[in-house]
Amino acid sequence: MKYLYSGRSDSLRWDHRGLKMLLFRAYYTFCRSSSRVAFPRKVFVRTNNSLLYPLFRAVVAILLIFVRIPAIALAQDTLRLTLEEAIERGLAYSPALRNQQLAIDLADGALDKLKARKAPVVGAGADLRTNIVLPVTIIPGAAFSNQGQNEGDRKIRFGTTFNISGAVEVNYALLDPTLGADRQVAEAERTLQGTLFEAQRQQQKLIIAEAWYNVFLQQESARLADEKLRRAKVLQEINQIRETAGTALPADLLRNQLDVDNAAAAFEQTLNQLVLSRQTLAYRLGLPLNTTIGVADIPAPDMSLPEQVTPTTAQRWEIVEQQQRMALAELEVRQIEDRYKPGLDLYGNAAVQHLSNDFAVWNNWFPLVYAGVQTKIPVFDGQLKRREQEIARIQGLIARQNLERWQSDIAYETATAKTAMQNAVVQWKTAQGNLATATRLFELEKARYAGGKLLYSALVDAEYSLREAENNALTAWYDYLLAKVRWERATGRL
């Protein structure tokens, strides 16, 4: 049995109209075969048989109740989301935002790492060594003889068989010329990563909103396609009555059947588009792709126009990002400059050493303690400093040009989004008037056709005008909502 889609309730329901018509046809066949009643000229059968007709209506009512039961179950499986709920789910799932949060954590780690540079660095070490072969040297005998004596040369062995040593050393930067600049660069990097997070968050909001509105569009399109199919079947019922009365043309019956088939095919296509839109939204929200999502609390088209906003003063994270990149480039130039300033380090060492040939560790220990101050002054670097600073300045120029480009892009986005909203308002007002007129015209033409006072082709033209008016109204509504969310994105209000 065929499924139909209801855009208002966002559920699937059984097409009970076809079942009702089938049951009425069965009742009509039974009445004709019994030769007791004549076929009525209305869809709802009336008969003089007071026993059969109430029984027949009871059977029809029971069947219609049962065929509606699957609709209730299917409606409960639909995940209904407001725009705010969809955005909240999408932001919580977004892999891009999670990665950017990790980048923020890395920047925080780099900033905490700089705090350790002000603390003294203490190290300790120990060494146990055995000298298997000790070095030997020869000292001339004259070094040991008195004047006038002649002594022979002597062999001297240096070191002992066993050597144990331990030491503790301390280093402390009394003057670190790059610490201040490094901290400022790290803080600027942390702020920049936070700005990139907000920019991606705003972009994700726009993507999710567009996907949500697309589900709304396809949901309403399916509802309109359902209405088109329903109207085609109503006309088919009228033609069947006229055929029984002998007033319908064979060509009209064929055209009507063709319209029903086309409307059914169009309805199936809209359902497929609805499934695609739901899959896209489910992908953005991190849900299984087979999740049946329905939009909830669809905003009424108030068709209000936004106030005038100067794009350059609007809060856009892309503008803030480029401004921070320019400031970061200046800090990097200063950082490179500070690297070539002299620093001052304090260092000290306390050690103890054991020397023996028999591993007598209880004696022969000798201490060693020293302390000092050290500095380094760069003299020549092959123009490395100048080249690194030039690279940083070029990065600042790139950020400045990107800032100017973004200001131009934002002005364009804001203007085009507002113009699109204005066009949608005009289209909506026109479509609303046309829809009311087309609806009245179709009802009048349908009554005239049912009375045999109008050709079927004229009725089809009226139905086509009604269908176009419905589609135009929906398109204007969707265009307005989409233009509005893009305007909010352009002005930094999303």
Protein backbone atom coordinates (compact mmCIF):
# COMPACT_ATOMS: atom_id res chain seq x y z
CA MET A 1 0.00 0.00 0.00
CA LYS A 2 1.24 3.47 -0.84
CA TYR A 3 2.76 5.85 1.73
CA LEU A 4 2.02 9.56 1.85
CA TYR A 5 3.97 12.32 3.58
CA SER A 6 2.37 14.98 5.76
CA GLY A 7 4.50 18.09 6.08
CA ARG A 8 2.56 19.50 9.05
CA SER A 9 2.79 16.45 11.25
CA ASP A 10 6.14 15.33 9.79
CA SER A 11 5.06 11.70 9.57
CA LEU A 12 4.14 9.10 7.05
CA ARG A 13 0.50 8.08 6.77
CA TRP A 14 -1.39 5.47 4.83
CA ASP A 15 -3.20 6.63 1.72
CA HIS A 16 -6.65 5.66 3.01
CA ARG A 17 -8.45 7.61 0.27
CA GLY A 18 -7.64 4.90 -2.25
CA LEU A 19 -8.85 2.25 0.17
CA LYS A 20 -12.07 4.16 0.79
CA MET A 21 -12.70 4.44 -2.96
CA LEU A 22 -12.02 0.72 -3.39
CA LEU A 23 -14.48 -0.17 -0.65
CA PHE A 24 -17.15 2.11 -2.09
CA ARG A 25 -16.64 0.47 -5.48
CA ALA A 26 -17.12 -2.94 -3.86
CA TYR A 27 -20.29 -1.75 -2.18
CA TYR A 28 -21.55 -0.29 -5.45
CA THR A 29 -20.88 -3.56 -7.28
CA PHE A 30 -22.77 -5.47 -4.62
CA CYS A 31 -25.72 -3.11 -4.79
CA ARG A 32 -25.85 -3.29 -8.60
CA SER A 33 -25.67 -7.07 -8.53
CA SER A 34 -28.54 -7.21 -6.03
CA SER A 35 -30.62 -4.93 -8.38
CA ARG A 36 -32.17 -3.22 -5.36
CA VAL A 37 -30.52 0.22 -5.47
CA ALA A 38 -29.20 2.50 -8.16
CA PHE A 39 -25.63 3.87 -8.23
CA PRO A 40 -25.55 7.32 -6.59
CA ARG A 41 -23.93 10.35 -8.24
CA LYS A 42 -21.89 11.32 -5.16
CA VAL A 43 -18.81 9.77 -3.68
CA PHE A 44 -20.41 9.06 -0.31
CA VAL A 45 -22.95 6.38 -1.17
CA ARG A 46 -26.50 6.77 0.06
CA THR A 47 -28.93 3.91 -0.25
CA ASN A 48 -32.37 2.85 0.87
CA ASN A 49 -30.97 -0.35 2.28
CA SER A 50 -30.93 0.65 5.96
CA LEU A 51 -29.28 -2.60 7.03
CA LEU A 52 -26.38 -2.88 4.58
CA TYR A 53 -25.21 0.70 4.53
CA PRO A 54 -24.61 1.20 8.29
CA LEU A 55 -22.83 -2.14 8.39
CA PHE A 56 -20.71 -1.13 5.42
CA ARG A 57 -19.78 2.22 7.03
CA ALA A 58 -18.77 0.46 10.25
CA VAL A 59 -16.45 -1.87 8.32
CA VAL A 60 -14.87 1.08 6.50
CA ALA A 61 -14.34 2.98 9.77
CA ILE A 62 -12.64 0.00 11.42
CA LEU A 63 -10.32 -0.51 8.45
CA LEU A 64 -9.37 3.17 8.35
CA ILE A 65 -8.53 3.10 12.05
CA PHE A 66 -6.22 0.13 11.56
CA VAL A 67 -4.42 1.58 8.54
CA ARG A 68 -3.67 4.72 10.56
CA ILE A 69 -1.91 2.74 13.30
CA PRO A 70 1.42 2.51 11.37
CA ALA A 71 1.39 6.30 11.00
CA ILE A 72 1.45 6.74 14.77
CA ALA A 73 4.40 4.37 15.16
CA LEU A 74 6.32 6.01 12.34
CA ALA A 75 5.71 9.48 13.70
CA GLN A 76 7.19 8.44 17.05
CA ASP A 77 10.44 7.41 15.30
CA THR A 78 10.95 10.89 13.85
CA LEU A 79 13.59 13.05 15.56
CA ARG A 80 12.11 16.54 15.61
CA LEU A 81 14.65 19.33 16.03
CA THR A 82 14.36 23.07 16.25
CA LEU A 83 17.01 25.17 14.55
CA GLU A 84 18.62 25.92 17.91
CA GLU A 85 18.70 22.23 18.87
CA ALA A 86 20.21 21.28 15.52
CA ILE A 87 22.93 23.91 15.86
CA GLU A 88 23.70 22.79 19.41
CA ARG A 89 24.03 19.16 18.33
CA GLY A 90 26.13 20.05 15.29
CA LEU A 91 28.56 22.23 17.25
CA ALA A 92 29.01 19.53 19.88
CA TYR A 93 29.80 16.95 17.18
CA SER A 94 31.90 19.01 14.74
CA PRO A 95 35.34 17.36 14.24
CA ALA A 96 36.75 20.67 13.01
CA LEU A 97 35.81 22.41 16.26
CA ARG A 98 37.22 19.56 18.33
CA ASN A 99 40.53 19.78 16.45
CA GLN A 100 40.59 23.54 16.91
CA GLN A 101 40.01 23.07 20.64
CA LEU A 102 43.08 20.82 20.68
CA ALA A 103 45.02 23.60 18.95
CA ILE A 104 43.94 25.93 21.78
CA ASP A 105 45.15 23.37 24.32
CA LEU A 106 48.51 23.22 22.54
CA ALA A 107 48.78 27.01 22.69
CA ASP A 108 47.98 26.91 26.41
CA GLY A 109 50.70 24.30 26.85
CA ALA A 110 53.24 26.47 25.04
CA LEU A 111 52.31 29.39 27.29
CA ASP A 112 52.70 27.30 30.44
CA LYS A 113 56.03 26.06 29.14
CA LEU A 114 57.43 29.60 29.23
CA LYS A 115 56.69 29.90 32.94
CA ALA A 116 59.31 27.23 33.63
CA ARG A 117 62.05 29.39 32.15
CA LYS A 118 62.10 31.64 35.24
CA ALA A 119 62.76 28.71 37.57
CA PRO A 120 66.32 27.45 38.24
CA VAL A 121 67.35 24.27 36.49
CA VAL A 122 68.88 21.68 38.84
CA GLY A 123 70.54 18.53 37.59
CA ALA A 124 72.35 15.63 39.23
CA GLY A 125 74.57 12.85 37.93
CA ALA A 126 76.78 9.96 39.06
CA ASP A 127 79.52 7.87 37.43
CA LEU A 128 81.18 4.57 38.34
CA ARG A 129 84.20 3.68 36.23
CA THR A 130 87.00 1.12 36.20
CA ASN A 131 90.16 1.89 34.27
CA ILE A 132 91.36 -1.38 32.77
CA VAL A 133 94.46 0.17 31.23
CA LEU A 134 95.77 3.43 32.66
CA PRO A 135 97.66 5.90 30.48
CA VAL A 136 101.45 6.13 31.01
CA THR A 137 103.77 9.00 30.14
CA ILE A 138 107.56 9.54 30.41
CA ILE A 139 109.01 12.50 32.28
CA PRO A 140 112.68 13.38 31.63
CA GLY A 141 115.06 12.61 34.50
CA ALA A 142 116.32 16.19 34.59
CA ALA A 143 113.06 17.12 36.17
CA PHE A 144 113.99 15.06 39.25
CA SER A 145 117.80 15.60 39.46
CA ASN A 146 119.77 18.35 41.15
CA GLN A 147 122.15 20.55 39.26
CA GLY A 148 125.13 18.57 38.09
CA GLN A 149 123.44 15.19 38.59
CA ASN A 150 122.32 12.94 35.80
CA GLU A 151 119.03 11.12 36.44
CA GLY A 152 117.32 8.69 34.10
CA ASP A 153 113.84 9.23 32.63
CA ARG A 154 110.86 8.00 34.64
CA LYS A 155 107.58 6.39 33.59
CA ILE A 156 104.53 7.88 35.29
CA ARG A 157 101.05 6.26 35.36
CA PHE A 158 98.10 8.62 35.70
CA GLY A 159 94.85 7.71 37.47
CA THR A 160 93.57 4.88 39.61
CA THR A 161 91.83 1.62 38.81
CA PHE A 162 88.51 2.68 40.28
CA ASN A 163 86.83 6.08 39.91
CA ILE A 164 83.46 7.05 41.48
CA SER A 165 82.01 10.54 41.06
CA GLY A 166 78.74 12.40 41.76
CA ALA A 167 77.72 15.96 41.06
CA VAL A 168 74.85 18.44 41.39
CA GLU A 169 74.71 21.43 39.06
CA VAL A 170 72.42 24.48 39.02
CA ASN A 171 71.74 26.94 36.20
CA TYR A 172 69.66 30.08 36.54
CA ALA A 173 68.97 32.77 33.96
CA LEU A 174 69.60 36.08 35.71
CA LEU A 175 68.81 37.99 32.54
CA ASP A 176 66.72 36.40 29.73
CA PRO A 177 66.28 38.99 26.97
CA THR A 178 63.82 36.87 24.96
CA LEU A 179 61.48 35.79 27.76
CA GLY A 180 59.20 38.83 27.57
CA ALA A 181 58.86 38.71 23.78
CA ASP A 182 58.39 34.95 23.80
CA ARG A 183 55.57 35.29 26.34
CA GLN A 184 53.85 37.98 24.29
CA VAL A 185 54.11 35.85 21.12
CA ALA A 186 52.71 32.81 22.96
CA GLU A 187 49.82 34.84 24.36
CA ALA A 188 49.08 36.23 20.89
CA GLU A 189 49.13 32.70 19.46
CA ARG A 190 46.69 31.56 22.16
CA THR A 191 44.35 34.45 21.40
CA LEU A 192 44.59 33.75 17.67
CA GLN A 193 43.66 30.09 18.15
CA GLY A 194 40.62 31.15 20.16
CA THR A 195 39.59 33.50 17.37
CA LEU A 196 39.98 30.73 14.79
CA PHE A 197 37.73 28.58 16.97
CA GLU A 198 35.02 31.24 17.01
CA ALA A 199 35.32 31.78 13.25
CA GLN A 200 34.93 28.04 12.59
CA ARG A 201 32.06 27.90 15.06
CA GLN A 202 30.23 30.66 13.20
CA GLN A 203 30.83 28.92 9.87
CA GLN A 204 29.53 25.64 11.27
CA LYS A 205 26.39 27.42 12.45
CA LEU A 206 25.74 28.63 8.89
CA ILE A 207 26.32 25.17 7.41
CA ILE A 208 23.98 23.52 9.91
CA ALA A 209 21.32 26.21 9.47
CA GLU A 210 21.39 25.81 5.68
CA ALA A 211 21.04 22.03 6.03
CA TRP A 212 18.15 22.47 8.48
CA TYR A 213 16.35 24.91 6.18
CA ASN A 214 16.85 22.52 3.28
CA VAL A 215 15.03 19.82 5.25
CA PHE A 216 12.26 22.34 5.83
CA LEU A 217 12.11 23.12 2.11
CA GLN A 218 11.96 19.47 1.08
CA GLN A 219 9.46 18.72 3.84
CA GLU A 220 7.12 21.45 2.60
CA SER A 221 7.72 20.44 -1.02
CA ALA A 222 6.62 16.92 -0.13
CA ARG A 223 3.48 18.34 1.46
CA LEU A 224 2.68 20.33 -1.68
CA ALA A 225 3.32 17.27 -3.84
CA ASP A 226 0.93 15.35 -1.60
CA GLU A 227 -1.70 18.06 -2.13
CA LYS A 228 -1.14 17.89 -5.88
CA LEU A 229 -1.64 14.11 -5.83
CA ARG A 230 -4.74 14.50 -3.68
CA ARG A 231 -6.26 17.02 -6.10
CA ALA A 232 -5.52 14.74 -9.04
CA LYS A 233 -7.30 11.88 -7.29
CA VAL A 234 -10.27 14.09 -6.44
CA LEU A 235 -10.58 14.98 -10.11
CA GLN A 236 -10.28 11.29 -10.93
CA GLU A 237 -13.22 10.57 -8.62
CA ILE A 238 -15.26 13.28 -10.33
CA ASN A 239 -14.41 11.83 -13.74
CA GLN A 240 -15.41 8.37 -12.58
CA ILE A 241 -18.80 9.74 -11.52
CA ARG A 242 -19.17 11.52 -14.85
CA GLU A 243 -18.14 8.37 -16.68
CA THR A 244 -20.90 6.44 -14.92
CA ALA A 245 -23.34 9.17 -15.87
CA GLY A 246 -22.10 9.03 -19.46
CA THR A 247 -20.91 12.67 -19.52
CA ALA A 248 -17.12 12.15 -19.42
CA LEU A 249 -15.00 12.07 -22.56
CA PRO A 250 -12.53 9.21 -23.04
CA ALA A 251 -9.75 11.73 -23.67
CA ASP A 252 -10.50 13.44 -20.34
CA LEU A 253 -10.18 10.13 -18.55
CA LEU A 254 -6.81 9.48 -20.16
CA ARG A 255 -5.55 12.98 -19.35
CA ASN A 256 -6.72 12.58 -15.78
CA GLN A 257 -4.95 9.24 -15.40
CA LEU A 258 -1.80 10.81 -16.84
CA ASP A 259 -2.04 13.64 -14.30
CA VAL A 260 -2.42 11.15 -11.44
CA ASP A 261 0.60 9.16 -12.61
CA ASN A 262 2.72 12.31 -13.01
CA ALA A 263 1.67 13.60 -9.61
CA ALA A 264 2.55 10.25 -8.01
CA ALA A 265 5.97 10.26 -9.71
CA ALA A 266 6.61 13.85 -8.61
CA PHE A 267 5.62 12.92 -5.07
CA GLU A 268 8.11 10.04 -5.04
CA GLN A 269 10.85 12.39 -6.26
CA THR A 270 10.12 14.88 -3.49
CA LEU A 271 10.31 12.09 -0.94
CA ASN A 272 13.73 11.11 -2.31
CA GLN A 273 14.88 14.71 -2.06
CA LEU A 274 13.60 14.80 1.50
CA VAL A 275 15.65 11.71 2.34
CA LEU A 276 18.77 13.32 0.82
CA SER A 277 18.27 16.51 2.81
CA ARG A 278 17.80 14.50 6.00
CA GLN A 279 20.97 12.54 5.31
CA THR A 280 22.90 15.78 4.86
CA LEU A 281 21.59 17.20 8.12
CA ALA A 282 22.27 13.91 9.94
CA TYR A 283 25.84 13.98 8.63
CA ARG A 284 26.31 17.52 9.94
CA LEU A 285 24.93 16.53 13.34
CA GLY A 286 26.90 13.29 13.68
CA LEU A 287 23.76 11.13 13.62
CA PRO A 288 23.24 7.86 11.73
CA LEU A 289 22.42 8.62 8.10
CA ASN A 290 19.17 6.68 8.30
CA THR A 291 17.83 8.93 11.09
CA THR A 292 14.44 10.38 10.18
CA ILE A 293 14.79 14.07 11.09
CA GLY A 294 11.90 16.49 11.03
CA VAL A 295 12.17 20.23 11.55
CA ALA A 296 10.16 21.59 14.43
CA ASP A 297 8.86 25.03 15.32
CA ILE A 298 9.20 26.38 11.79
CA PRO A 299 9.38 30.17 12.11
CA ALA A 300 6.54 32.12 10.55
CA PRO A 301 7.65 34.35 7.67
CA ASP A 302 7.39 37.78 9.30
CA MET A 303 9.26 39.18 6.28
CA SER A 304 10.92 41.92 8.34
CA LEU A 305 13.92 43.69 6.85
CA PRO A 306 17.10 44.23 8.91
CA GLU A 307 18.33 47.60 10.02
CA GLN A 308 21.28 49.24 8.31
CA VAL A 309 24.61 47.88 9.57
CA THR A 310 28.04 49.13 8.56
CA PRO A 311 29.95 46.01 7.49
CA THR A 312 33.35 47.27 8.70
CA THR A 313 32.02 47.74 12.25
CA ALA A 314 30.22 44.39 12.35
CA GLN A 315 31.60 41.66 14.57
CA ARG A 316 33.26 39.23 12.21
CA TRP A 317 35.88 36.87 13.53
CA GLU A 318 37.70 36.89 10.18
CA ILE A 319 38.41 40.62 10.69
CA VAL A 320 39.60 40.00 14.24
CA GLU A 321 41.81 37.16 13.01
CA GLN A 322 43.65 39.32 10.48
CA GLN A 323 44.11 42.12 13.01
CA GLN A 324 45.64 39.63 15.43
CA ARG A 325 47.92 38.24 12.73
CA MET A 326 49.20 41.74 12.03
CA ALA A 327 49.92 42.26 15.74
CA LEU A 328 51.59 38.84 15.91
CA ALA A 329 53.91 39.71 13.02
CA GLU A 330 55.06 42.84 14.86
CA LEU A 331 55.73 40.81 18.00
CA GLU A 332 57.77 38.31 16.00
CA VAL A 333 59.96 41.12 14.67
CA ARG A 334 60.63 42.22 18.24
CA GLN A 335 61.22 38.62 19.31
CA ILE A 336 63.91 38.18 16.67
CA GLU A 337 65.52 41.45 17.79
CA ASP A 338 65.65 40.30 21.43
CA ARG A 339 67.38 37.06 20.49
CA TYR A 340 70.52 39.03 19.66
CA LYS A 341 70.69 40.85 23.00
CA PRO A 342 73.20 39.56 25.60
CA GLY A 343 71.90 37.38 28.41
CA LEU A 344 73.34 36.58 31.82
CA ASP A 345 73.33 33.08 33.34
CA LEU A 346 74.41 31.99 36.82
CA TYR A 347 75.75 28.46 37.19
CA GLY A 348 77.23 26.32 39.96
CA ASN A 349 78.47 22.78 40.52
CA ALA A 350 79.16 20.68 43.61
CA ALA A 351 80.88 17.33 43.03
CA VAL A 352 82.61 14.58 44.97
CA GLN A 353 85.02 11.93 43.61
CA HIS A 354 86.50 8.69 44.92
CA LEU A 355 89.88 7.40 43.61
CA SER A 356 91.37 4.03 44.56
CA ASN A 357 93.01 0.90 43.20
CA ASP A 358 91.32 -1.50 45.61
CA PHE A 359 87.78 -0.11 45.58
CA ALA A 360 88.06 1.14 49.15
CA VAL A 361 84.97 3.31 49.01
CA TRP A 362 85.16 4.24 52.70
CA ASN A 363 88.02 6.66 52.09
CA ASN A 364 89.81 8.66 49.40
CA TRP A 365 86.86 11.00 48.62
CA PHE A 366 87.68 14.42 47.20
CA PRO A 367 85.17 17.30 46.85
CA LEU A 368 84.93 19.89 44.05
CA VAL A 369 82.72 23.03 44.16
CA TYR A 370 82.63 25.95 41.75
CA ALA A 371 80.27 28.76 40.66
CA GLY A 372 80.30 31.37 37.94
CA VAL A 373 78.46 33.84 35.72
CA GLN A 374 78.24 33.42 31.95
CA THR A 375 77.16 35.67 29.11
CA LYS A 376 77.01 35.38 25.32
CA ILE A 377 77.11 38.20 22.80
CA PRO A 378 76.32 37.49 19.11
CA VAL A 379 78.94 38.97 16.83
CA PHE A 380 78.11 37.79 13.32
CA ASP A 381 75.21 35.66 11.99
CA GLY A 382 75.48 36.02 8.23
CA GLN A 383 72.50 38.47 8.12
CA LEU A 384 70.17 35.79 9.51
CA LYS A 385 68.53 38.32 11.84
CA ARG A 386 67.63 40.73 9.02
CA ARG A 387 66.22 37.96 6.84
CA GLU A 388 64.05 36.51 9.61
CA GLN A 389 62.66 39.95 10.42
CA GLU A 390 61.91 40.55 6.74
CA ILE A 391 59.90 37.32 6.63
CA ALA A 392 57.88 38.41 9.69
CA ARG A 393 57.17 41.81 8.10
CA ILE A 394 55.97 40.13 4.90
CA GLN A 395 53.58 38.00 6.96
CA GLY A 396 52.23 41.19 8.49
CA LEU A 397 51.69 42.67 5.02
CA ILE A 398 49.82 39.53 3.96
CA ALA A 399 47.56 39.85 7.01
CA ARG A 400 46.90 43.52 6.18
CA GLN A 401 45.91 42.68 2.61
CA ASN A 402 43.68 39.87 3.84
CA LEU A 403 42.06 42.34 6.23
CA GLU A 404 41.21 44.67 3.35
CA ARG A 405 39.89 41.76 1.30
CA TRP A 406 37.68 40.54 4.13
CA GLN A 407 36.28 44.03 4.66
CA SER A 408 35.32 44.13 0.99
CA ASP A 409 33.90 40.61 1.05
CA ILE A 410 31.82 41.31 4.15
CA ALA A 411 30.40 44.48 2.62
CA TYR A 412 29.44 42.46 -0.46
CA GLU A 413 27.93 39.60 1.58
CA THR A 414 25.89 42.01 3.69
CA ALA A 415 24.56 43.94 0.70
CA THR A 416 23.68 40.87 -1.37
CA ALA A 417 22.02 39.11 1.57
CA LYS A 418 19.86 42.14 2.31
CA THR A 419 18.94 42.50 -1.36
CA ALA A 420 18.00 38.82 -1.46
CA MET A 421 15.76 39.38 1.59
CA GLN A 422 14.08 42.34 -0.11
CA ASN A 423 13.46 40.27 -3.24
CA ALA A 424 12.05 37.44 -1.14
CA VAL A 425 9.66 39.86 0.61
CA VAL A 426 8.36 41.12 -2.74
CA GLN A 427 8.01 37.58 -4.05
CA TRP A 428 6.24 36.46 -0.87
CA LYS A 429 3.66 39.23 -0.97
CA THR A 430 2.99 38.58 -4.66
CA ALA A 431 2.87 34.82 -4.14
CA GLN A 432 0.42 35.15 -1.24
CA GLY A 433 -2.00 37.18 -3.34
CA ASN A 434 -1.62 34.83 -6.30
CA LEU A 435 -2.11 31.79 -4.05
CA ALA A 436 -5.41 33.11 -2.68
CA THR A 437 -6.63 33.94 -6.18
CA ALA A 438 -5.51 30.62 -7.63
CA THR A 439 -7.19 28.70 -4.80
CA ARG A 440 -10.54 30.43 -5.35
CA LEU A 441 -10.23 30.00 -9.11
CA PHE A 442 -9.53 26.27 -8.82
CA GLU A 443 -12.50 25.68 -6.51
CA LEU A 444 -14.82 27.55 -8.87
CA GLU A 445 -13.52 25.73 -11.93
CA LYS A 446 -13.76 22.38 -10.17
CA ALA A 447 -17.42 23.04 -9.33
CA ARG A 448 -18.12 24.09 -12.92
CA TYR A 449 -16.41 20.97 -14.26
CA ALA A 450 -18.34 18.73 -11.87
CA GLY A 451 -21.51 20.32 -13.20
CA GLY A 452 -20.49 19.68 -16.78
CA LYS A 453 -20.02 23.39 -17.64
CA LEU A 454 -16.24 23.39 -18.20
CA LEU A 455 -13.72 21.50 -20.29
CA TYR A 456 -11.17 19.34 -18.50
CA SER A 457 -8.28 21.23 -20.12
CA ALA A 458 -9.49 24.48 -18.53
CA LEU A 459 -9.67 22.77 -15.13
CA VAL A 460 -6.13 21.46 -15.57
CA ASP A 461 -4.95 25.01 -16.34
CA ALA A 462 -6.55 26.23 -13.12
CA GLU A 463 -4.90 23.45 -11.13
CA TYR A 464 -1.53 24.24 -12.72
CA SER A 465 -1.91 27.91 -11.71
CA LEU A 466 -2.64 26.82 -8.14
CA ARG A 467 0.38 24.53 -8.10
CA GLU A 468 2.67 27.30 -9.38
CA ALA A 469 1.33 29.72 -6.76
CA GLU A 470 2.02 27.20 -3.99
CA ASN A 471 5.55 26.56 -5.22
CA ASN A 472 6.27 30.28 -5.60
CA ALA A 473 5.07 30.98 -2.05
CA LEU A 474 7.25 28.20 -0.65
CA THR A 475 10.28 29.32 -2.66
CA ALA A 476 9.86 32.92 -1.46
CA TRP A 477 9.58 31.72 2.14
CA TYR A 478 12.69 29.55 1.84
CA ASP A 479 14.67 32.28 0.06
CA TYR A 480 13.81 34.75 2.81
CA LEU A 481 14.87 32.41 5.61
CA LEU A 482 18.11 31.50 3.83
CA ALA A 483 18.93 35.12 3.02
CA LYS A 484 18.21 36.12 6.60
CA VAL A 485 20.59 33.57 8.12
CA ARG A 486 23.27 34.56 5.60
CA TRP A 487 22.76 38.22 6.50
CA GLU A 488 23.18 37.33 10.17
CA ARG A 489 26.38 35.49 9.23
CA ALA A 490 27.65 38.44 7.19
CA THR A 491 27.07 40.88 10.06
CA GLY A 492 28.49 38.56 12.70
CA ARG A 493 25.16 38.04 14.48
CA LEU A 494 24.70 34.33 13.80
